[in-house]
PDB file of N, CA and C in Angstrom:
ATOM      1  N   MET A   1       0.844  -1.192   0.000  1.00  0.00           N
ATOM      2  CA  MET A   1       0.000   0.000   0.000  1.00  0.00           C
ATOM      3  C   MET A   1       0.885   1.249   0.000  1.00  0.00           C
ATOM      4  N   LYS A   2       0.500   2.242  -0.790  1.00  0.00           N
ATOM      5  CA  LYS A   2       1.251   3.486  -0.866  1.00  0.00           C
ATOM      6  C   LYS A   2       1.126   4.253   0.439  1.00  0.00           C
ATOM      7  N   PRO A   3       2.179   4.998   0.809  1.00  0.00           N
ATOM      8  CA  PRO A   3       2.070   5.833   2.014  1.00  0.00           C
ATOM      9  C   PRO A   3       1.035   6.939   1.828  1.00  0.00           C
ATOM     10  N   LEU A   4       0.535   7.440   2.946  1.00  0.00           N
ATOM     11  CA  LEU A   4      -0.448   8.519   2.941  1.00  0.00           C
ATOM     12  C   LEU A   4       0.135   9.679   3.741  1.00  0.00           C
ATOM     13  N   TYR A   5       0.054  10.880   3.170  1.00  0.00           N
ATOM     14  CA  TYR A   5       0.617  12.063   3.797  1.00  0.00           C
ATOM     15  C   TYR A   5      -0.469  13.097   4.065  1.00  0.00           C
ATOM     16  N   LYS A   6      -0.335  13.757   5.207  1.00  0.00           N
ATOM     17  CA  LYS A   6      -1.188  14.903   5.533  1.00  0.00           C
ATOM     18  C   LYS A   6      -0.327  16.147   5.325  1.00  0.00           C
ATOM     19  N   ILE A   7      -0.765  17.034   4.446  1.00  0.00           N
ATOM     20  CA  ILE A   7      -0.013  18.233   4.114  1.00  0.00           C
ATOM     21  C   ILE A   7      -0.759  19.435   4.676  1.00  0.00           C
ATOM     22  N   THR A   8      -0.084  20.221   5.487  1.00  0.00           N
ATOM     23  CA  THR A   8      -0.650  21.432   6.062  1.00  0.00           C
ATOM     24  C   THR A   8       0.115  22.603   5.472  1.00  0.00           C
ATOM     25  N   PHE A   9      -0.618  23.527   4.820  1.00  0.00           N
ATOM     26  CA  PHE A   9       0.057  24.656   4.182  1.00  0.00           C
ATOM     27  C   PHE A   9      -0.796  25.917   4.250  1.00  0.00           C
ATOM     28  N   LEU A  10      -0.128  27.040   4.100  1.00  0.00           N
ATOM     29  CA  LEU A  10      -0.773  28.351   4.146  1.00  0.00           C
ATOM     30  C   LEU A  10      -1.140  28.783   2.737  1.00  0.00           C
ATOM     31  N   ASN A  11      -2.395  29.223   2.553  1.00  0.00           N
ATOM     32  CA  ASN A  11      -2.867  29.675   1.249  1.00  0.00           C
ATOM     33  C   ASN A  11      -3.893  30.780   1.456  1.00  0.00           C
ATOM     34  N   ALA A  12      -3.609  31.977   0.959  1.00  0.00           N
ATOM     35  CA  ALA A  12      -4.535  33.118   1.005  1.00  0.00           C
ATOM     36  C   ALA A  12      -5.048  33.392   2.425  1.00  0.00           C
ATOM     37  N   GLY A  13      -4.149  33.382   3.404  1.00  0.00           N
ATOM     38  CA  GLY A  13      -4.521  33.698   4.778  1.00  0.00           C
ATOM     39  C   GLY A  13      -5.232  32.585   5.526  1.00  0.00           C
ATOM     40  N   LYS A  14      -5.275  31.408   4.940  1.00  0.00           N
ATOM     41  CA  LYS A  14      -5.922  30.262   5.583  1.00  0.00           C
ATOM     42  C   LYS A  14      -4.946  29.079   5.607  1.00  0.00           C
ATOM     43  N   ILE A  15      -5.146  28.208   6.568  1.00  0.00           N
ATOM     44  CA  ILE A  15      -4.356  26.988   6.679  1.00  0.00           C
ATOM     45  C   ILE A  15      -5.172  25.857   6.064  1.00  0.00           C
ATOM     46  N   TYR A  16      -4.619  25.205   5.049  1.00  0.00           N
ATOM     47  CA  TYR A  16      -5.275  24.085   4.385  1.00  0.00           C
ATOM     48  C   TYR A  16      -4.650  22.782   4.880  1.00  0.00           C
ATOM     49  N   GLU A  17      -5.479  21.761   5.067  1.00  0.00           N
ATOM     50  CA  GLU A  17      -5.010  20.423   5.413  1.00  0.00           C
ATOM     51  C   GLU A  17      -5.559  19.459   4.368  1.00  0.00           C
ATOM     52  N   LEU A  18      -4.667  18.901   3.558  1.00  0.00           N
ATOM     53  CA  LEU A  18      -5.037  17.963   2.501  1.00  0.00           C
ATOM     54  C   LEU A  18      -4.294  16.651   2.703  1.00  0.00           C
ATOM     55  N   TYR A  19      -4.772  15.617   2.040  1.00  0.00           N
ATOM     56  CA  TYR A  19      -4.122  14.309   2.072  1.00  0.00           C
ATOM     57  C   TYR A  19      -3.705  13.925   0.661  1.00  0.00           C
ATOM     58  N   ALA A  20      -2.522  13.279   0.554  1.00  0.00           N
ATOM     59  CA  ALA A  20      -1.998  12.891  -0.751  1.00  0.00           C
ATOM     60  C   ALA A  20      -1.171  11.622  -0.614  1.00  0.00           C
ATOM     61  N   ARG A  21      -0.983  10.954  -1.746  1.00  0.00           N
ATOM     62  CA  ARG A  21      -0.191   9.714  -1.789  1.00  0.00           C
ATOM     63  C   ARG A  21       1.262   9.948  -2.194  1.00  0.00           C
ATOM     64  N   LYS A  22       1.553  11.074  -2.856  1.00  0.00           N
ATOM     65  CA  LYS A  22       2.922  11.330  -3.310  1.00  0.00           C
ATOM     66  C   LYS A  22       3.380  12.725  -2.912  1.00  0.00           C
ATOM     67  N   ILE A  23       4.605  12.786  -2.370  1.00  0.00           N
ATOM     68  CA  ILE A  23       5.262  14.044  -2.038  1.00  0.00           C
ATOM     69  C   ILE A  23       6.678  13.951  -2.600  1.00  0.00           C
ATOM     70  N   ALA A  24       7.154  15.015  -3.254  1.00  0.00           N
ATOM     71  CA  ALA A  24       8.513  14.999  -3.805  1.00  0.00           C
ATOM     72  C   ALA A  24       9.062  16.413  -3.863  1.00  0.00           C
ATOM     73  N   SER A  25      10.398  16.499  -3.877  1.00  0.00           N
ATOM     74  CA  SER A  25      11.039  17.784  -4.151  1.00  0.00           C
ATOM     75  C   SER A  25      10.709  18.141  -5.586  1.00  0.00           C
ATOM     76  N   GLY A  26      10.305  19.354  -5.808  1.00  0.00           N
ATOM     77  CA  GLY A  26       9.858  19.748  -7.132  1.00  0.00           C
ATOM     78  C   GLY A  26      10.980  19.966  -8.124  1.00  0.00           C
ATOM     79  N   ALA A  27      10.654  19.810  -9.383  1.00  0.00           N
ATOM     80  CA  ALA A  27      11.595  20.126 -10.454  1.00  0.00           C
ATOM     81  C   ALA A  27      11.829  21.634 -10.491  1.00  0.00           C
ATOM     82  N   LEU A  28      10.841  22.395 -10.018  1.00  0.00           N
ATOM     83  CA  LEU A  28      10.983  23.841  -9.889  1.00  0.00           C
ATOM     84  C   LEU A  28      11.648  24.120  -8.544  1.00  0.00           C
ATOM     85  N   TRP A  29      12.768  24.818  -8.550  1.00  0.00           N
ATOM     86  CA  TRP A  29      13.504  25.063  -7.324  1.00  0.00           C
ATOM     87  C   TRP A  29      12.643  25.823  -6.317  1.00  0.00           C
ATOM     88  N   GLY A  30      12.616  25.333  -5.073  1.00  0.00           N
ATOM     89  CA  GLY A  30      11.874  25.996  -4.015  1.00  0.00           C
ATOM     90  C   GLY A  30      10.431  25.539  -3.864  1.00  0.00           C
ATOM     91  N   PHE A  31      10.029  24.537  -4.654  1.00  0.00           N
ATOM     92  CA  PHE A  31       8.658  24.037  -4.595  1.00  0.00           C
ATOM     93  C   PHE A  31       8.639  22.564  -4.203  1.00  0.00           C
ATOM     94  N   THR A  32       7.581  22.164  -3.521  1.00  0.00           N
ATOM     95  CA  THR A  32       7.340  20.768  -3.183  1.00  0.00           C
ATOM     96  C   THR A  32       6.152  20.299  -4.011  1.00  0.00           C
ATOM     97  N   GLU A  33       6.298  19.136  -4.642  1.00  0.00           N
ATOM     98  CA  GLU A  33       5.227  18.575  -5.462  1.00  0.00           C
ATOM     99  C   GLU A  33       4.351  17.659  -4.613  1.00  0.00           C
ATOM    100  N   VAL A  34       3.064  17.885  -4.682  1.00  0.00           N
ATOM    101  CA  VAL A  34       2.076  17.070  -3.979  1.00  0.00           C
ATOM    102  C   VAL A  34       1.153  16.489  -5.043  1.00  0.00           C
ATOM    103  N   ALA A  35       1.089  15.155  -5.119  1.00  0.00           N
ATOM    104  CA  ALA A  35       0.291  14.504  -6.167  1.00  0.00           C
ATOM    105  C   ALA A  35      -0.592  13.414  -5.570  1.00  0.00           C
ATOM    106  N   GLU A  36      -1.537  12.966  -6.378  1.00  0.00           N
ATOM    107  CA  GLU A  36      -2.509  11.938  -5.993  1.00  0.00           C
ATOM    108  C   GLU A  36      -3.245  12.345  -4.719  1.00  0.00           C
ATOM    109  N   LEU A  37      -3.911  13.506  -4.790  1.00  0.00           N
ATOM    110  CA  LEU A  37      -4.704  13.989  -3.659  1.00  0.00           C
ATOM    111  C   LEU A  37      -5.815  13.001  -3.341  1.00  0.00           C
ATOM    112  N   VAL A  38      -6.111  12.861  -2.047  1.00  0.00           N
ATOM    113  CA  VAL A  38      -7.109  11.895  -1.583  1.00  0.00           C
ATOM    114  C   VAL A  38      -8.273  12.660  -0.971  1.00  0.00           C
ATOM    115  N   PHE A  39      -9.472  12.369  -1.470  1.00  0.00           N
ATOM    116  CA  PHE A  39     -10.694  12.971  -0.932  1.00  0.00           C
ATOM    117  C   PHE A  39     -11.638  11.873  -0.486  1.00  0.00           C
ATOM    118  N   ASP A  40     -12.493  12.176   0.487  1.00  0.00           N
ATOM    119  CA  ASP A  40     -13.501  11.214   0.936  1.00  0.00           C
ATOM    120  C   ASP A  40     -14.529  11.006  -0.162  1.00  0.00           C
ATOM    121  N   VAL A  41     -15.023   9.786  -0.249  1.00  0.00           N
ATOM    122  CA  VAL A  41     -16.110   9.481  -1.170  1.00  0.00           C
ATOM    123  C   VAL A  41     -17.342   9.256  -0.318  1.00  0.00           C
ATOM    124  N   HIS A  42     -18.328  10.140  -0.468  1.00  0.00           N
ATOM    125  CA  HIS A  42     -19.550  10.042   0.334  1.00  0.00           C
ATOM    126  C   HIS A  42     -20.661   9.420  -0.505  1.00  0.00           C
ATOM    127  N   ASP A  43     -21.162   8.293  -0.045  1.00  0.00           N
ATOM    128  CA  ASP A  43     -22.275   7.652  -0.723  1.00  0.00           C
ATOM    129  C   ASP A  43     -23.604   7.991  -0.056  1.00  0.00           C
ATOM    130  N   GLY A  44     -23.535   8.505   1.170  1.00  0.00           N
ATOM    131  CA  GLY A  44     -24.755   8.754   1.918  1.00  0.00           C
ATOM    132  C   GLY A  44     -25.277  10.167   1.742  1.00  0.00           C
ATOM    133  N   VAL A  45     -26.158  10.556   2.639  1.00  0.00           N
ATOM    134  CA  VAL A  45     -26.818  11.850   2.576  1.00  0.00           C
ATOM    135  C   VAL A  45     -25.935  12.941   3.182  1.00  0.00           C
ATOM    136  N   VAL A  46     -25.148  12.599   4.210  1.00  0.00           N
ATOM    137  CA  VAL A  46     -24.331  13.590   4.908  1.00  0.00           C
ATOM    138  C   VAL A  46     -23.120  13.952   4.045  1.00  0.00           C
ATOM    139  N   ILE A  47     -22.963  15.246   3.794  1.00  0.00           N
ATOM    140  CA  ILE A  47     -21.859  15.744   2.985  1.00  0.00           C
ATOM    141  C   ILE A  47     -21.103  16.781   3.802  1.00  0.00           C
ATOM    142  N   ASP A  48     -19.781  16.656   3.844  1.00  0.00           N
ATOM    143  CA  ASP A  48     -18.941  17.616   4.543  1.00  0.00           C
ATOM    144  C   ASP A  48     -18.702  18.800   3.598  1.00  0.00           C
ATOM    145  N   PRO A  49     -19.210  20.002   3.924  1.00  0.00           N
ATOM    146  CA  PRO A  49     -19.060  21.139   3.008  1.00  0.00           C
ATOM    147  C   PRO A  49     -17.598  21.532   2.777  1.00  0.00           C
ATOM    148  N   THR A  50     -16.736  21.356   3.792  1.00  0.00           N
ATOM    149  CA  THR A  50     -15.326  21.691   3.624  1.00  0.00           C
ATOM    150  C   THR A  50     -14.670  20.735   2.646  1.00  0.00           C
ATOM    151  N   GLU A  51     -14.957  19.448   2.778  1.00  0.00           N
ATOM    152  CA  GLU A  51     -14.406  18.444   1.855  1.00  0.00           C
ATOM    153  C   GLU A  51     -14.875  18.730   0.426  1.00  0.00           C
ATOM    154  N   GLU A  52     -16.130  19.112   0.272  1.00  0.00           N
ATOM    155  CA  GLU A  52     -16.656  19.438  -1.054  1.00  0.00           C
ATOM    156  C   GLU A  52     -15.966  20.673  -1.631  1.00  0.00           C
ATOM    157  N   ARG A  53     -15.732  21.660  -0.790  1.00  0.00           N
ATOM    158  CA  ARG A  53     -15.041  22.879  -1.247  1.00  0.00           C
ATOM    159  C   ARG A  53     -13.620  22.545  -1.703  1.00  0.00           C
ATOM    160  N   LEU A  54     -12.913  21.710  -0.933  1.00  0.00           N
ATOM    161  CA  LEU A  54     -11.556  21.307  -1.311  1.00  0.00           C
ATOM    162  C   LEU A  54     -11.562  20.479  -2.589  1.00  0.00           C
ATOM    163  N   ARG A  55     -12.543  19.605  -2.734  1.00  0.00           N
ATOM    164  CA  ARG A  55     -12.655  18.791  -3.953  1.00  0.00           C
ATOM    165  C   ARG A  55     -12.934  19.692  -5.159  1.00  0.00           C
ATOM    166  N   ASP A  56     -13.783  20.720  -4.978  1.00  0.00           N
ATOM    167  CA  ASP A  56     -14.056  21.659  -6.068  1.00  0.00           C
ATOM    168  C   ASP A  56     -12.799  22.425  -6.470  1.00  0.00           C
ATOM    169  N   GLU A  57     -12.006  22.820  -5.473  1.00  0.00           N
ATOM    170  CA  GLU A  57     -10.811  23.614  -5.750  1.00  0.00           C
ATOM    171  C   GLU A  57      -9.654  22.777  -6.291  1.00  0.00           C
ATOM    172  N   PHE A  58      -9.466  21.550  -5.757  1.00  0.00           N
ATOM    173  CA  PHE A  58      -8.290  20.751  -6.093  1.00  0.00           C
ATOM    174  C   PHE A  58      -8.600  19.416  -6.768  1.00  0.00           C
ATOM    175  N   GLY A  59      -9.868  19.115  -7.012  1.00  0.00           N
ATOM    176  CA  GLY A  59     -10.262  17.803  -7.528  1.00  0.00           C
ATOM    177  C   GLY A  59      -9.650  17.426  -8.864  1.00  0.00           C
ATOM    178  N   ASN A  60      -9.416  18.384  -9.739  1.00  0.00           N
ATOM    179  CA  ASN A  60      -8.846  18.107 -11.055  1.00  0.00           C
ATOM    180  C   ASN A  60      -7.342  18.370 -11.108  1.00  0.00           C
ATOM    181  N   THR A  61      -6.721  18.571  -9.953  1.00  0.00           N
ATOM    182  CA  THR A  61      -5.296  18.878  -9.888  1.00  0.00           C
ATOM    183  C   THR A  61      -4.476  17.603  -9.984  1.00  0.00           C
ATOM    184  N   ARG A  62      -3.589  17.539 -10.971  1.00  0.00           N
ATOM    185  CA  ARG A  62      -2.696  16.380 -11.105  1.00  0.00           C
ATOM    186  C   ARG A  62      -1.536  16.488 -10.135  1.00  0.00           C
ATOM    187  N   VAL A  63      -0.869  17.641 -10.119  1.00  0.00           N
ATOM    188  CA  VAL A  63       0.253  17.894  -9.211  1.00  0.00           C
ATOM    189  C   VAL A  63       0.113  19.303  -8.670  1.00  0.00           C
ATOM    190  N   LEU A  64       0.174  19.422  -7.358  1.00  0.00           N
ATOM    191  CA  LEU A  64       0.108  20.713  -6.695  1.00  0.00           C
ATOM    192  C   LEU A  64       1.550  21.118  -6.376  1.00  0.00           C
ATOM    193  N   HIS A  65       1.988  22.259  -6.863  1.00  0.00           N
ATOM    194  CA  HIS A  65       3.337  22.765  -6.614  1.00  0.00           C
ATOM    195  C   HIS A  65       3.235  23.823  -5.521  1.00  0.00           C
ATOM    196  N   LEU A  66       3.688  23.475  -4.320  1.00  0.00           N
ATOM    197  CA  LEU A  66       3.589  24.389  -3.181  1.00  0.00           C
ATOM    198  C   LEU A  66       4.945  25.023  -2.896  1.00  0.00           C
ATOM    199  N   PRO A  67       4.999  26.349  -2.736  1.00  0.00           N
ATOM    200  CA  PRO A  67       6.253  26.975  -2.335  1.00  0.00           C
ATOM    201  C   PRO A  67       6.667  26.441  -0.959  1.00  0.00           C
ATOM    202  N   MET A  68       7.932  26.144  -0.792  1.00  0.00           N
ATOM    203  CA  MET A  68       8.396  25.554   0.474  1.00  0.00           C
ATOM    204  C   MET A  68       8.045  26.419   1.679  1.00  0.00           C
ATOM    205  N   GLN A  69       8.094  27.753   1.521  1.00  0.00           N
ATOM    206  CA  GLN A  69       7.821  28.618   2.665  1.00  0.00           C
ATOM    207  C   GLN A  69       6.351  28.608   3.079  1.00  0.00           C
ATOM    208  N   SER A  70       5.450  28.088   2.222  1.00  0.00           N
ATOM    209  CA  SER A  70       4.031  28.034   2.592  1.00  0.00           C
ATOM    210  C   SER A  70       3.681  26.753   3.347  1.00  0.00           C
ATOM    211  N   ILE A  71       4.565  25.763   3.324  1.00  0.00           N
ATOM    212  CA  ILE A  71       4.277  24.483   3.975  1.00  0.00           C
ATOM    213  C   ILE A  71       4.551  24.595   5.468  1.00  0.00           C
ATOM    214  N   VAL A  72       3.550  24.241   6.257  1.00  0.00           N
ATOM    215  CA  VAL A  72       3.664  24.250   7.713  1.00  0.00           C
ATOM    216  C   VAL A  72       4.190  22.901   8.188  1.00  0.00           C
ATOM    217  N   ARG A  73       3.634  21.807   7.614  1.00  0.00           N
ATOM    218  CA  ARG A  73       3.998  20.463   8.073  1.00  0.00           C
ATOM    219  C   ARG A  73       3.586  19.428   7.036  1.00  0.00           C
ATOM    220  N   ILE A  74       4.380  18.350   6.958  1.00  0.00           N
ATOM    221  CA  ILE A  74       4.018  17.179   6.172  1.00  0.00           C
ATOM    222  C   ILE A  74       4.168  15.978   7.103  1.00  0.00           C
ATOM    223  N   GLU A  75       3.098  15.218   7.267  1.00  0.00           N
ATOM    224  CA  GLU A  75       3.102  14.058   8.150  1.00  0.00           C
ATOM    225  C   GLU A  75       2.756  12.801   7.359  1.00  0.00           C
ATOM    226  N   GLU A  76       3.446  11.698   7.626  1.00  0.00           N
ATOM    227  CA  GLU A  76       3.029  10.419   7.074  1.00  0.00           C
ATOM    228  C   GLU A  76       2.078   9.808   8.096  1.00  0.00           C
ATOM    229  N   VAL A  77       0.862   9.473   7.672  1.00  0.00           N
ATOM    230  CA  VAL A  77      -0.178   9.016   8.588  1.00  0.00           C
ATOM    231  C   VAL A  77      -0.657   7.617   8.201  1.00  0.00           C
ATOM    232  N   GLU A  78      -1.305   6.947   9.152  1.00  0.00           N
ATOM    233  CA  GLU A  78      -1.842   5.605   8.933  1.00  0.00           C
ATOM    234  C   GLU A  78      -3.133   5.641   8.124  1.00  0.00           C
ATOM    235  N   LYS A  79      -4.030   6.597   8.480  1.00  0.00           N
ATOM    236  CA  LYS A  79      -5.314   6.676   7.791  1.00  0.00           C
ATOM    237  C   LYS A  79      -5.712   8.128   7.621  1.00  0.00           C
ATOM    238  N   LYS A  80      -6.608   8.360   6.689  1.00  0.00           N
ATOM    239  CA  LYS A  80      -7.051   9.710   6.378  1.00  0.00           C
ATOM    240  C   LYS A  80      -7.971  10.239   7.462  1.00  0.00           C
ATOM    241  N   GLY A  81      -7.718  11.454   7.865  1.00  0.00           N
ATOM    242  CA  GLY A  81      -8.605  12.161   8.774  1.00  0.00           C
ATOM    243  C   GLY A  81      -9.458  13.125   7.981  1.00  0.00           C
ATOM    244  N   GLN A  82     -10.029  14.075   8.666  1.00  0.00           N
ATOM    245  CA  GLN A  82     -10.883  15.060   8.006  1.00  0.00           C
ATOM    246  C   GLN A  82     -10.024  16.170   7.421  1.00  0.00           C
ATOM    247  N   SER A  83     -10.199  16.460   6.154  1.00  0.00           N
ATOM    248  CA  SER A  83      -9.527  17.602   5.539  1.00  0.00           C
ATOM    249  C   SER A  83     -10.143  18.863   6.120  1.00  0.00           C
ATOM    250  N   ALA A  84      -9.363  19.949   6.144  1.00  0.00           N
ATOM    251  CA  ALA A  84      -9.878  21.155   6.788  1.00  0.00           C
ATOM    252  C   ALA A  84      -9.305  22.407   6.148  1.00  0.00           C
ATOM    253  N   ILE A  85     -10.006  23.501   6.364  1.00  0.00           N
ATOM    254  CA  ILE A  85      -9.513  24.838   6.063  1.00  0.00           C
ATOM    255  C   ILE A  85      -9.672  25.608   7.365  1.00  0.00           C
ATOM    256  N   ARG A  86      -8.573  26.177   7.860  1.00  0.00           N
ATOM    257  CA  ARG A  86      -8.598  26.896   9.129  1.00  0.00           C
ATOM    258  C   ARG A  86      -8.178  28.347   8.924  1.00  0.00           C
ATOM    259  N   ASP A  87      -8.659  29.206   9.803  1.00  0.00           N
ATOM    260  CA  ASP A  87      -8.220  30.590   9.814  1.00  0.00           C
ATOM    261  C   ASP A  87      -6.785  30.616  10.331  1.00  0.00           C
ATOM    262  N   ALA A  88      -5.890  31.286   9.639  1.00  0.00           N
ATOM    263  CA  ALA A  88      -4.479  31.288  10.016  1.00  0.00           C
ATOM    264  C   ALA A  88      -4.238  31.972  11.355  1.00  0.00           C
ATOM    265  N   ALA A  89      -5.015  32.991  11.680  1.00  0.00           N
ATOM    266  CA  ALA A  89      -4.811  33.742  12.920  1.00  0.00           C
ATOM    267  C   ALA A  89      -5.339  33.000  14.140  1.00  0.00           C
ATOM    268  N   THR A  90      -6.531  32.410  14.034  1.00  0.00           N
ATOM    269  CA  THR A  90      -7.167  31.799  15.206  1.00  0.00           C
ATOM    270  C   THR A  90      -7.037  30.279  15.243  1.00  0.00           C
ATOM    271  N   GLY A  91      -6.820  29.643  14.089  1.00  0.00           N
ATOM    272  CA  GLY A  91      -6.764  28.190  14.027  1.00  0.00           C
ATOM    273  C   GLY A  91      -8.134  27.541  13.970  1.00  0.00           C
ATOM    274  N   GLU A  92      -9.196  28.346  14.009  1.00  0.00           N
ATOM    275  CA  GLU A  92     -10.549  27.794  13.957  1.00  0.00           C
ATOM    276  C   GLU A  92     -10.893  27.380  12.541  1.00  0.00           C
ATOM    277  N   LYS A  93     -11.696  26.312  12.431  1.00  0.00           N
ATOM    278  CA  LYS A  93     -12.105  25.831  11.117  1.00  0.00           C
ATOM    279  C   LYS A  93     -12.982  26.863  10.425  1.00  0.00           C
ATOM    280  N   VAL A  94     -12.746  27.011   9.140  1.00  0.00           N
ATOM    281  CA  VAL A  94     -13.578  27.881   8.310  1.00  0.00           C
ATOM    282  C   VAL A  94     -14.640  26.979   7.713  1.00  0.00           C
ATOM    283  N   VAL A  95     -15.859  27.175   8.145  1.00  0.00           N
ATOM    284  CA  VAL A  95     -16.958  26.323   7.707  1.00  0.00           C
ATOM    285  C   VAL A  95     -17.732  27.038   6.620  1.00  0.00           C
ATOM    286  N   THR A  96     -17.949  26.344   5.535  1.00  0.00           N
ATOM    287  CA  THR A  96     -18.767  26.883   4.461  1.00  0.00           C
ATOM    288  C   THR A  96     -20.208  26.487   4.738  1.00  0.00           C
ATOM    289  N   PRO A  97     -21.077  27.445   5.102  1.00  0.00           N
ATOM    290  CA  PRO A  97     -22.457  27.075   5.427  1.00  0.00           C
ATOM    291  C   PRO A  97     -23.238  26.677   4.180  1.00  0.00           C
ATOM    292  N   PHE A  98     -24.245  25.841   4.405  1.00  0.00           N
ATOM    293  CA  PHE A  98     -25.150  25.482   3.317  1.00  0.00           C
ATOM    294  C   PHE A  98     -25.969  26.698   2.952  1.00  0.00           C
ATOM    295  N   PRO A  99     -26.246  26.909   1.677  1.00  0.00           N
ATOM    296  CA  PRO A  99     -27.083  28.057   1.306  1.00  0.00           C
ATOM    297  C   PRO A  99     -28.486  27.892   1.864  1.00  0.00           C
ATOM    298  N   LEU A 100     -29.002  28.970   2.413  1.00  0.00           N
ATOM    299  CA  LEU A 100     -30.364  28.947   2.954  1.00  0.00           C
ATOM    300  C   LEU A 100     -31.307  29.584   1.945  1.00  0.00           C
ATOM    301  N   PRO A 101     -32.554  29.108   1.933  1.00  0.00           N
ATOM    302  CA  PRO A 101     -33.503  29.720   1.018  1.00  0.00           C
ATOM    303  C   PRO A 101     -33.735  31.173   1.384  1.00  0.00           C
ATOM    304  N   ALA A 102     -33.927  31.995   0.379  1.00  0.00           N
ATOM    305  CA  ALA A 102     -34.185  33.422   0.615  1.00  0.00           C
ATOM    306  C   ALA A 102     -35.560  33.611   1.233  1.00  0.00           C
ATOM    307  N   LYS A 103     -35.675  34.636   2.076  1.00  0.00           N
ATOM    308  CA  LYS A 103     -36.960  34.943   2.697  1.00  0.00           C
ATOM    309  C   LYS A 103     -37.868  35.582   1.657  1.00  0.00           C
ATOM    310  N   PRO A 104     -39.140  35.164   1.627  1.00  0.00           N
ATOM    311  CA  PRO A 104     -40.061  35.793   0.685  1.00  0.00           C
ATOM    312  C   PRO A 104     -40.308  37.242   1.079  1.00  0.00           C
ATOM    313  N   ARG A 105     -40.478  38.082   0.082  1.00  0.00           N
ATOM    314  CA  ARG A 105     -40.708  39.530   0.370  1.00  0.00           C
ATOM    315  C   ARG A 105     -42.163  39.848   0.360  1.00  0.00           C
TER     316      ARG A 105
END
């Protein structure tokens, strides 16, 4: 079985936590290559809005080239946890709320 990595990095004032199967020093100097991103597959009714947002943003990405200075941590893990987007200042999760129906006027 291929190793699984948890990558924590800074992007646009937020801390992203993604999972991937491949990590390498990039061909571009100063970049780390992150490939084979892993997302949860939900067959049921419950959908994690953060996971969906990450899948929308990175789902078609073959290789993510991250500047080394943006990487906070890379961990080799046994199993996938919950992907997250956190506020860089507070560390609190940034939750994307479900759209609510508009109030009738």
